[in-house]
Amino acid sequence: MYASQVDNDSGLLVGLFAGHHQADADFDRVSESLNAADRNATARSLTLIFVLVVDREAEQPSPSRRRAMAENNKRLTAARYLFAFVTPNTVLRGILTAVRWLTGERTGHEVESFASPPEAFEWVRRMTGQAYPQLEALYDRARKSTLRSTPGRPTV
């Protein structure tokens, strides 16, 4: 299950993949939320910031899904984009390397992986010099949304 929260005024998008299985519709929602945030950030000349948190037990995306993620990344138009990928699962963090390789380097686009949300939030703040106090609240709302949909599911 995928849920996200956005703050259009600051260019922030926080998404959360909860549970083991992620359906194609979940990956589609990631792309839709990222593309909407990208359009907003581009129109307003904001830095696009996407923090994606993935549960430890989430399954690996298929090679075709990895290619689709990379292709979507190539279409982003924001001049500056920070992507923080968060999961305690080291295998999933390693898969990010494959997606980055498929995407290619882009000037103004920074990608890092982290084991926990606080590490990612600190990186965003360090990279931008902005406090972004709403990061934790966006994450909490996304997490609560997934818990309502999947009662009893622990998340990162």
N, C-alpha and C. Protein backbone atom coordinates (compact mmCIF):
# COMPACT_ATOMS: atom_id res chain seq x y z
N MET A 1 0.84 -1.18 0.00
CA MET A 1 0.00 0.00 0.00
C MET A 1 0.89 1.24 0.00
N TYR A 2 0.51 2.21 -0.80
CA TYR A 2 1.26 3.47 -0.87
C TYR A 2 0.35 4.60 -0.43
N ALA A 3 0.90 5.46 0.41
CA ALA A 3 0.21 6.69 0.82
C ALA A 3 1.23 7.81 0.79
N SER A 4 0.75 9.01 0.53
CA SER A 4 1.67 10.15 0.50
C SER A 4 0.98 11.39 1.04
N GLN A 5 1.82 12.33 1.42
CA GLN A 5 1.38 13.65 1.87
C GLN A 5 2.27 14.67 1.20
N VAL A 6 1.69 15.80 0.84
CA VAL A 6 2.43 16.82 0.11
C VAL A 6 2.24 18.18 0.76
N ASP A 7 3.26 18.99 0.66
CA ASP A 7 3.18 20.41 1.03
C ASP A 7 3.60 21.17 -0.21
N ASN A 8 2.64 21.60 -0.99
CA ASN A 8 2.93 22.26 -2.27
C ASN A 8 3.66 23.58 -2.10
N ASP A 9 3.45 24.26 -0.97
CA ASP A 9 4.11 25.55 -0.77
C ASP A 9 5.61 25.41 -0.60
N SER A 10 6.07 24.24 -0.14
CA SER A 10 7.49 24.05 0.08
C SER A 10 8.12 23.04 -0.87
N GLY A 11 7.32 22.41 -1.72
CA GLY A 11 7.86 21.43 -2.67
C GLY A 11 8.15 20.08 -2.05
N LEU A 12 7.56 19.79 -0.89
CA LEU A 12 7.81 18.54 -0.17
C LEU A 12 6.78 17.47 -0.50
N LEU A 13 7.25 16.27 -0.73
CA LEU A 13 6.41 15.09 -0.90
C LEU A 13 7.00 13.99 -0.02
N VAL A 14 6.18 13.42 0.84
CA VAL A 14 6.61 12.29 1.67
C VAL A 14 5.69 11.13 1.35
N GLY A 15 6.29 10.02 0.89
CA GLY A 15 5.52 8.83 0.55
C GLY A 15 5.93 7.66 1.41
N LEU A 16 5.02 6.71 1.54
CA LEU A 16 5.28 5.54 2.38
C LEU A 16 4.71 4.29 1.71
N PHE A 17 5.57 3.30 1.50
CA PHE A 17 5.17 1.97 1.06
C PHE A 17 5.07 1.11 2.31
N ALA A 18 3.88 0.61 2.63
CA ALA A 18 3.69 -0.22 3.80
C ALA A 18 3.34 -1.64 3.37
N GLY A 19 3.86 -2.62 4.09
CA GLY A 19 3.53 -4.00 3.83
C GLY A 19 4.52 -4.68 2.91
N HIS A 20 4.31 -5.97 2.73
CA HIS A 20 5.21 -6.80 1.93
C HIS A 20 4.96 -6.62 0.43
N HIS A 21 3.73 -6.77 0.01
CA HIS A 21 3.43 -6.76 -1.42
C HIS A 21 3.01 -5.37 -1.87
N GLN A 22 3.60 -4.92 -2.98
CA GLN A 22 3.22 -3.65 -3.59
C GLN A 22 2.65 -3.95 -4.98
N ALA A 23 1.41 -3.61 -5.18
CA ALA A 23 0.74 -3.85 -6.46
C ALA A 23 1.19 -2.80 -7.48
N ASP A 24 0.97 -3.11 -8.76
CA ASP A 24 1.29 -2.14 -9.81
C ASP A 24 0.58 -0.82 -9.55
N ALA A 25 -0.65 -0.88 -9.02
CA ALA A 25 -1.39 0.35 -8.73
C ALA A 25 -0.66 1.20 -7.69
N ASP A 26 0.03 0.55 -6.75
CA ASP A 26 0.81 1.31 -5.76
C ASP A 26 1.96 2.05 -6.43
N PHE A 27 2.68 1.36 -7.32
CA PHE A 27 3.77 2.01 -8.04
C PHE A 27 3.24 3.14 -8.93
N ASP A 28 2.06 2.93 -9.51
CA ASP A 28 1.45 3.99 -10.32
C ASP A 28 1.14 5.21 -9.46
N ARG A 29 0.66 4.99 -8.23
CA ARG A 29 0.37 6.12 -7.33
C ARG A 29 1.65 6.87 -6.95
N VAL A 30 2.76 6.15 -6.81
CA VAL A 30 4.04 6.82 -6.54
C VAL A 30 4.36 7.76 -7.69
N SER A 31 4.28 7.25 -8.91
CA SER A 31 4.59 8.07 -10.09
C SER A 31 3.64 9.26 -10.19
N GLU A 32 2.36 9.01 -9.96
CA GLU A 32 1.37 10.10 -10.04
C GLU A 32 1.65 11.18 -9.00
N SER A 33 1.95 10.78 -7.77
CA SER A 33 2.21 11.79 -6.73
C SER A 33 3.51 12.53 -7.01
N LEU A 34 4.53 11.82 -7.48
CA LEU A 34 5.80 12.47 -7.80
C LEU A 34 5.64 13.42 -8.99
N ASN A 35 4.93 13.00 -10.01
CA ASN A 35 4.75 13.85 -11.18
C ASN A 35 3.94 15.11 -10.85
N ALA A 36 2.93 14.98 -9.99
CA ALA A 36 2.15 16.15 -9.58
C ALA A 36 3.03 17.11 -8.76
N ALA A 37 3.83 16.56 -7.86
CA ALA A 37 4.73 17.41 -7.07
C ALA A 37 5.77 18.07 -7.96
N ASP A 38 6.24 17.35 -8.98
CA ASP A 38 7.21 17.91 -9.93
C ASP A 38 6.60 19.07 -10.71
N ARG A 39 5.38 18.89 -11.18
CA ARG A 39 4.72 19.99 -11.91
C ARG A 39 4.58 21.22 -11.02
N ASN A 40 4.19 21.01 -9.77
CA ASN A 40 4.04 22.11 -8.83
C ASN A 40 5.38 22.80 -8.59
N ALA A 41 6.41 22.01 -8.30
CA ALA A 41 7.73 22.59 -8.01
C ALA A 41 8.27 23.35 -9.22
N THR A 42 8.09 22.79 -10.40
CA THR A 42 8.59 23.44 -11.61
C THR A 42 7.86 24.76 -11.85
N ALA A 43 6.54 24.75 -11.72
CA ALA A 43 5.74 25.97 -11.95
C ALA A 43 6.09 27.06 -10.96
N ARG A 44 6.49 26.69 -9.76
CA ARG A 44 6.77 27.66 -8.71
C ARG A 44 8.27 27.87 -8.47
N SER A 45 9.11 27.27 -9.30
CA SER A 45 10.57 27.37 -9.16
C SER A 45 11.05 26.93 -7.78
N LEU A 46 10.49 25.83 -7.29
CA LEU A 46 10.87 25.28 -5.99
C LEU A 46 11.79 24.08 -6.18
N THR A 47 12.56 23.78 -5.16
CA THR A 47 13.27 22.51 -5.12
C THR A 47 12.24 21.42 -4.86
N LEU A 48 12.25 20.38 -5.66
CA LEU A 48 11.38 19.23 -5.44
C LEU A 48 12.08 18.29 -4.48
N ILE A 49 11.40 17.98 -3.38
CA ILE A 49 11.97 17.09 -2.36
C ILE A 49 11.01 15.93 -2.16
N PHE A 50 11.51 14.72 -2.41
CA PHE A 50 10.71 13.51 -2.24
C PHE A 50 11.41 12.58 -1.26
N VAL A 51 10.74 12.30 -0.16
CA VAL A 51 11.22 11.33 0.82
C VAL A 51 10.31 10.12 0.70
N LEU A 52 10.87 9.00 0.27
CA LEU A 52 10.10 7.77 0.11
C LEU A 52 10.56 6.76 1.15
N VAL A 53 9.65 6.37 2.03
CA VAL A 53 9.93 5.43 3.10
C VAL A 53 9.31 4.08 2.74
N VAL A 54 10.12 3.02 2.84
CA VAL A 54 9.68 1.68 2.46
C VAL A 54 9.88 0.73 3.63
N ASP A 55 8.83 -0.05 3.95
CA ASP A 55 8.91 -1.03 5.03
C ASP A 55 10.06 -2.00 4.83
N ARG A 56 10.60 -2.49 5.90
CA ARG A 56 11.70 -3.45 5.89
C ARG A 56 11.33 -4.70 5.10
N GLU A 57 10.11 -5.18 5.24
CA GLU A 57 9.73 -6.44 4.62
C GLU A 57 9.17 -6.29 3.19
N ALA A 58 9.23 -5.11 2.64
CA ALA A 58 8.71 -4.91 1.28
C ALA A 58 9.47 -5.77 0.28
N GLU A 59 8.73 -6.31 -0.67
CA GLU A 59 9.37 -7.14 -1.68
C GLU A 59 10.15 -6.26 -2.65
N GLN A 60 11.07 -6.87 -3.35
CA GLN A 60 11.89 -6.15 -4.32
C GLN A 60 11.06 -5.83 -5.56
N PRO A 61 11.21 -4.63 -6.10
CA PRO A 61 10.52 -4.34 -7.36
C PRO A 61 11.14 -5.16 -8.49
N SER A 62 10.30 -5.56 -9.43
CA SER A 62 10.78 -6.35 -10.57
C SER A 62 11.69 -5.50 -11.44
N PRO A 63 12.51 -6.14 -12.27
CA PRO A 63 13.35 -5.37 -13.20
C PRO A 63 12.53 -4.42 -14.09
N SER A 64 11.37 -4.85 -14.54
CA SER A 64 10.55 -3.97 -15.39
C SER A 64 10.04 -2.77 -14.58
N ARG A 65 9.73 -2.99 -13.30
CA ARG A 65 9.27 -1.88 -12.46
C ARG A 65 10.44 -0.93 -12.19
N ARG A 66 11.64 -1.45 -12.03
CA ARG A 66 12.82 -0.59 -11.83
C ARG A 66 13.06 0.29 -13.05
N ARG A 67 12.91 -0.30 -14.24
CA ARG A 67 13.07 0.48 -15.48
C ARG A 67 12.00 1.56 -15.57
N ALA A 68 10.76 1.21 -15.20
CA ALA A 68 9.68 2.21 -15.24
C ALA A 68 9.95 3.36 -14.27
N MET A 69 10.49 3.05 -13.09
CA MET A 69 10.83 4.11 -12.13
C MET A 69 11.91 5.01 -12.71
N ALA A 70 12.91 4.41 -13.33
CA ALA A 70 14.00 5.20 -13.91
C ALA A 70 13.47 6.08 -15.04
N GLU A 71 12.61 5.55 -15.88
CA GLU A 71 12.05 6.34 -16.98
C GLU A 71 11.24 7.51 -16.44
N ASN A 72 10.47 7.28 -15.38
CA ASN A 72 9.72 8.37 -14.78
C ASN A 72 10.67 9.43 -14.23
N ASN A 73 11.76 9.00 -13.59
CA ASN A 73 12.74 9.95 -13.06
C ASN A 73 13.33 10.81 -14.17
N LYS A 74 13.55 10.22 -15.33
CA LYS A 74 14.13 10.97 -16.45
C LYS A 74 13.20 12.08 -16.94
N ARG A 75 11.91 11.93 -16.70
CA ARG A 75 10.93 12.92 -17.17
C ARG A 75 10.71 14.07 -16.20
N LEU A 76 11.30 14.01 -15.01
CA LEU A 76 11.12 15.09 -14.04
C LEU A 76 11.72 16.38 -14.58
N THR A 77 11.03 17.48 -14.33
CA THR A 77 11.45 18.76 -14.91
C THR A 77 11.96 19.79 -13.90
N ALA A 78 11.82 19.50 -12.61
CA ALA A 78 12.31 20.45 -11.59
C ALA A 78 13.81 20.66 -11.77
N ALA A 79 14.22 21.90 -11.67
CA ALA A 79 15.65 22.21 -11.84
C ALA A 79 16.49 21.59 -10.72
N ARG A 80 15.91 21.52 -9.53
CA ARG A 80 16.62 20.90 -8.40
C ARG A 80 15.68 19.87 -7.78
N TYR A 81 16.20 18.66 -7.57
CA TYR A 81 15.42 17.54 -7.05
C TYR A 81 16.25 16.78 -6.04
N LEU A 82 15.70 16.62 -4.84
CA LEU A 82 16.34 15.82 -3.80
C LEU A 82 15.45 14.62 -3.52
N PHE A 83 16.01 13.42 -3.68
CA PHE A 83 15.27 12.19 -3.42
C PHE A 83 15.96 11.43 -2.30
N ALA A 84 15.24 11.25 -1.20
CA ALA A 84 15.74 10.49 -0.06
C ALA A 84 14.96 9.18 0.00
N PHE A 85 15.65 8.07 -0.22
CA PHE A 85 15.05 6.74 -0.18
C PHE A 85 15.36 6.15 1.19
N VAL A 86 14.30 5.75 1.91
CA VAL A 86 14.46 5.34 3.30
C VAL A 86 13.93 3.92 3.51
N THR A 87 14.80 3.04 3.95
CA THR A 87 14.40 1.70 4.36
C THR A 87 15.52 1.08 5.19
N PRO A 88 15.16 0.32 6.22
CA PRO A 88 16.21 -0.39 6.95
C PRO A 88 16.71 -1.62 6.19
N ASN A 89 16.05 -1.97 5.09
CA ASN A 89 16.40 -3.14 4.29
C ASN A 89 17.57 -2.79 3.36
N THR A 90 18.73 -3.35 3.64
CA THR A 90 19.92 -3.01 2.85
C THR A 90 19.82 -3.51 1.41
N VAL A 91 19.12 -4.59 1.17
CA VAL A 91 18.94 -5.09 -0.20
C VAL A 91 18.15 -4.07 -1.01
N LEU A 92 17.07 -3.55 -0.43
CA LEU A 92 16.28 -2.55 -1.14
C LEU A 92 17.07 -1.26 -1.38
N ARG A 93 17.90 -0.88 -0.41
CA ARG A 93 18.74 0.31 -0.63
C ARG A 93 19.72 0.05 -1.77
N GLY A 94 20.20 -1.18 -1.88
CA GLY A 94 21.09 -1.53 -2.99
C GLY A 94 20.40 -1.46 -4.34
N ILE A 95 19.12 -1.78 -4.38
CA ILE A 95 18.36 -1.71 -5.63
C ILE A 95 18.29 -0.27 -6.13
N LEU A 96 18.31 0.68 -5.20
CA LEU A 96 18.31 2.09 -5.60
C LEU A 96 19.50 2.38 -6.52
N THR A 97 20.62 1.72 -6.28
CA THR A 97 21.80 1.91 -7.14
C THR A 97 21.47 1.53 -8.57
N ALA A 98 20.74 0.44 -8.76
CA ALA A 98 20.35 0.01 -10.11
C ALA A 98 19.44 1.04 -10.76
N VAL A 99 18.49 1.55 -10.00
CA VAL A 99 17.57 2.56 -10.55
C VAL A 99 18.34 3.83 -10.90
N ARG A 100 19.28 4.21 -10.05
CA ARG A 100 20.11 5.39 -10.35
C ARG A 100 20.92 5.18 -11.62
N TRP A 101 21.46 3.98 -11.79
CA TRP A 101 22.24 3.68 -13.00
C TRP A 101 21.34 3.78 -14.24
N LEU A 102 20.12 3.26 -14.14
CA LEU A 102 19.19 3.32 -15.27
C LEU A 102 18.74 4.75 -15.55
N THR A 103 18.63 5.56 -14.51
CA THR A 103 18.20 6.95 -14.68
C THR A 103 19.31 7.79 -15.28
N GLY A 104 20.54 7.59 -14.83
CA GLY A 104 21.65 8.41 -15.27
C GLY A 104 21.79 9.65 -14.40
N GLU A 105 22.94 10.26 -14.50
CA GLU A 105 23.21 11.48 -13.73
C GLU A 105 22.47 12.66 -14.33
N ARG A 106 21.94 13.52 -13.45
CA ARG A 106 21.28 14.73 -13.90
C ARG A 106 21.74 15.89 -13.03
N THR A 107 22.16 16.95 -13.65
CA THR A 107 22.58 18.14 -12.92
C THR A 107 21.42 18.64 -12.07
N GLY A 108 21.70 18.90 -10.79
CA GLY A 108 20.68 19.43 -9.89
C GLY A 108 19.85 18.37 -9.20
N HIS A 109 20.07 17.11 -9.57
CA HIS A 109 19.30 16.02 -8.96
C HIS A 109 20.22 15.22 -8.04
N GLU A 110 19.83 15.13 -6.78
CA GLU A 110 20.61 14.42 -5.77
C GLU A 110 19.78 13.27 -5.21
N VAL A 111 20.40 12.11 -5.06
CA VAL A 111 19.72 10.92 -4.55
C VAL A 111 20.59 10.29 -3.47
N GLU A 112 19.97 9.97 -2.34
CA GLU A 112 20.67 9.28 -1.25
C GLU A 112 19.73 8.28 -0.62
N SER A 113 20.31 7.26 0.01
CA SER A 113 19.50 6.28 0.73
C SER A 113 19.85 6.33 2.22
N PHE A 114 18.85 5.99 3.03
CA PHE A 114 18.98 6.09 4.48
C PHE A 114 18.27 4.93 5.15
N ALA A 115 18.68 4.61 6.37
CA ALA A 115 18.06 3.54 7.14
C ALA A 115 16.83 4.00 7.92
N SER A 116 16.73 5.32 8.17
CA SER A 116 15.61 5.82 8.99
C SER A 116 15.15 7.19 8.50
N PRO A 117 13.87 7.51 8.76
CA PRO A 117 13.38 8.85 8.38
C PRO A 117 14.16 10.00 8.99
N PRO A 118 14.51 9.97 10.29
CA PRO A 118 15.26 11.11 10.84
C PRO A 118 16.56 11.39 10.09
N GLU A 119 17.26 10.34 9.65
CA GLU A 119 18.49 10.55 8.87
C GLU A 119 18.18 11.27 7.56
N ALA A 120 17.10 10.85 6.91
CA ALA A 120 16.72 11.48 5.64
C ALA A 120 16.30 12.93 5.84
N PHE A 121 15.53 13.19 6.88
CA PHE A 121 15.09 14.56 7.15
C PHE A 121 16.29 15.48 7.42
N GLU A 122 17.26 14.96 8.16
CA GLU A 122 18.47 15.76 8.43
C GLU A 122 19.22 16.05 7.14
N TRP A 123 19.31 15.09 6.25
CA TRP A 123 19.98 15.29 4.96
C TRP A 123 19.27 16.37 4.15
N VAL A 124 17.94 16.31 4.10
CA VAL A 124 17.18 17.33 3.37
C VAL A 124 17.47 18.71 3.94
N ARG A 125 17.47 18.81 5.24
CA ARG A 125 17.72 20.10 5.89
C ARG A 125 19.15 20.58 5.61
N ARG A 126 20.09 19.68 5.66
CA ARG A 126 21.49 20.04 5.40
C ARG A 126 21.68 20.47 3.94
N MET A 127 21.05 19.75 3.01
CA MET A 127 21.21 20.05 1.58
C MET A 127 20.56 21.37 1.18
N THR A 128 19.49 21.74 1.87
CA THR A 128 18.75 22.94 1.48
C THR A 128 19.00 24.14 2.38
N GLY A 129 19.49 23.89 3.59
CA GLY A 129 19.63 24.98 4.55
C GLY A 129 18.30 25.46 5.09
N GLN A 130 17.25 24.68 4.89
CA GLN A 130 15.90 25.03 5.36
C GLN A 130 15.50 24.12 6.51
N ALA A 131 14.68 24.62 7.43
CA ALA A 131 14.27 23.85 8.60
C ALA A 131 13.21 22.79 8.28
N TYR A 132 12.33 23.09 7.36
CA TYR A 132 11.23 22.18 6.99
C TYR A 132 10.64 21.45 8.20
N PRO A 133 10.06 22.19 9.15
CA PRO A 133 9.49 21.54 10.33
C PRO A 133 8.32 20.61 10.00
N GLN A 134 7.74 20.77 8.81
CA GLN A 134 6.58 19.96 8.44
C GLN A 134 6.95 18.55 7.98
N LEU A 135 8.22 18.24 7.80
CA LEU A 135 8.61 16.90 7.34
C LEU A 135 8.06 15.79 8.23
N GLU A 136 8.27 15.91 9.52
CA GLU A 136 7.81 14.88 10.45
C GLU A 136 6.29 14.75 10.41
N ALA A 137 5.58 15.87 10.33
CA ALA A 137 4.12 15.82 10.30
C ALA A 137 3.62 15.14 9.01
N LEU A 138 4.26 15.43 7.88
CA LEU A 138 3.87 14.78 6.63
C LEU A 138 4.10 13.27 6.72
N TYR A 139 5.23 12.87 7.28
CA TYR A 139 5.51 11.45 7.45
C TYR A 139 4.49 10.79 8.38
N ASP A 140 4.19 11.45 9.51
CA ASP A 140 3.23 10.89 10.45
C ASP A 140 1.85 10.72 9.82
N ARG A 141 1.42 11.70 9.03
CA ARG A 141 0.10 11.58 8.38
C ARG A 141 0.09 10.46 7.34
N ALA A 142 1.17 10.31 6.58
CA ALA A 142 1.24 9.21 5.61
C ALA A 142 1.23 7.87 6.34
N ARG A 143 1.99 7.77 7.41
CA ARG A 143 2.05 6.53 8.20
C ARG A 143 0.69 6.18 8.78
N LYS A 144 0.01 7.16 9.34
CA LYS A 144 -1.32 6.92 9.91
C LYS A 144 -2.30 6.48 8.83
N SER A 145 -2.17 7.03 7.66
CA SER A 145 -3.04 6.65 6.55
C SER A 145 -2.85 5.17 6.19
N THR A 146 -1.60 4.70 6.17
CA THR A 146 -1.37 3.30 5.84
C THR A 146 -1.81 2.39 6.98
N LEU A 147 -1.69 2.84 8.22
CA LEU A 147 -2.13 2.02 9.35
C LEU A 147 -3.64 1.86 9.36
N ARG A 148 -4.37 2.90 8.95
CA ARG A 148 -5.83 2.79 8.86
C ARG A 148 -6.24 1.77 7.81
N SER A 149 -5.44 1.70 6.73
CA SER A 149 -5.75 0.79 5.64
C SER A 149 -5.29 -0.63 5.90
N THR A 150 -4.23 -0.77 6.71
CA THR A 150 -3.69 -2.10 7.04
C THR A 150 -3.48 -2.18 8.55
N PRO A 151 -4.57 -2.35 9.30
CA PRO A 151 -4.47 -2.34 10.76
C PRO A 151 -3.43 -3.35 11.26
N GLY A 152 -2.69 -2.92 12.28
CA GLY A 152 -1.71 -3.79 12.91
C GLY A 152 -0.38 -3.88 12.19
N ARG A 153 -0.23 -3.18 11.05
CA ARG A 153 1.00 -3.26 10.28
C ARG A 153 2.02 -2.30 10.86
N PRO A 154 3.14 -2.79 11.30
CA PRO A 154 4.21 -1.88 11.73
C PRO A 154 4.86 -1.26 10.50
N THR A 155 5.32 -0.04 10.61
CA THR A 155 6.03 0.62 9.52
C THR A 155 7.33 1.18 10.04
N VAL A 156 8.18 1.61 9.11
CA VAL A 156 9.48 2.18 9.46
C VAL A 156 9.27 3.34 10.39
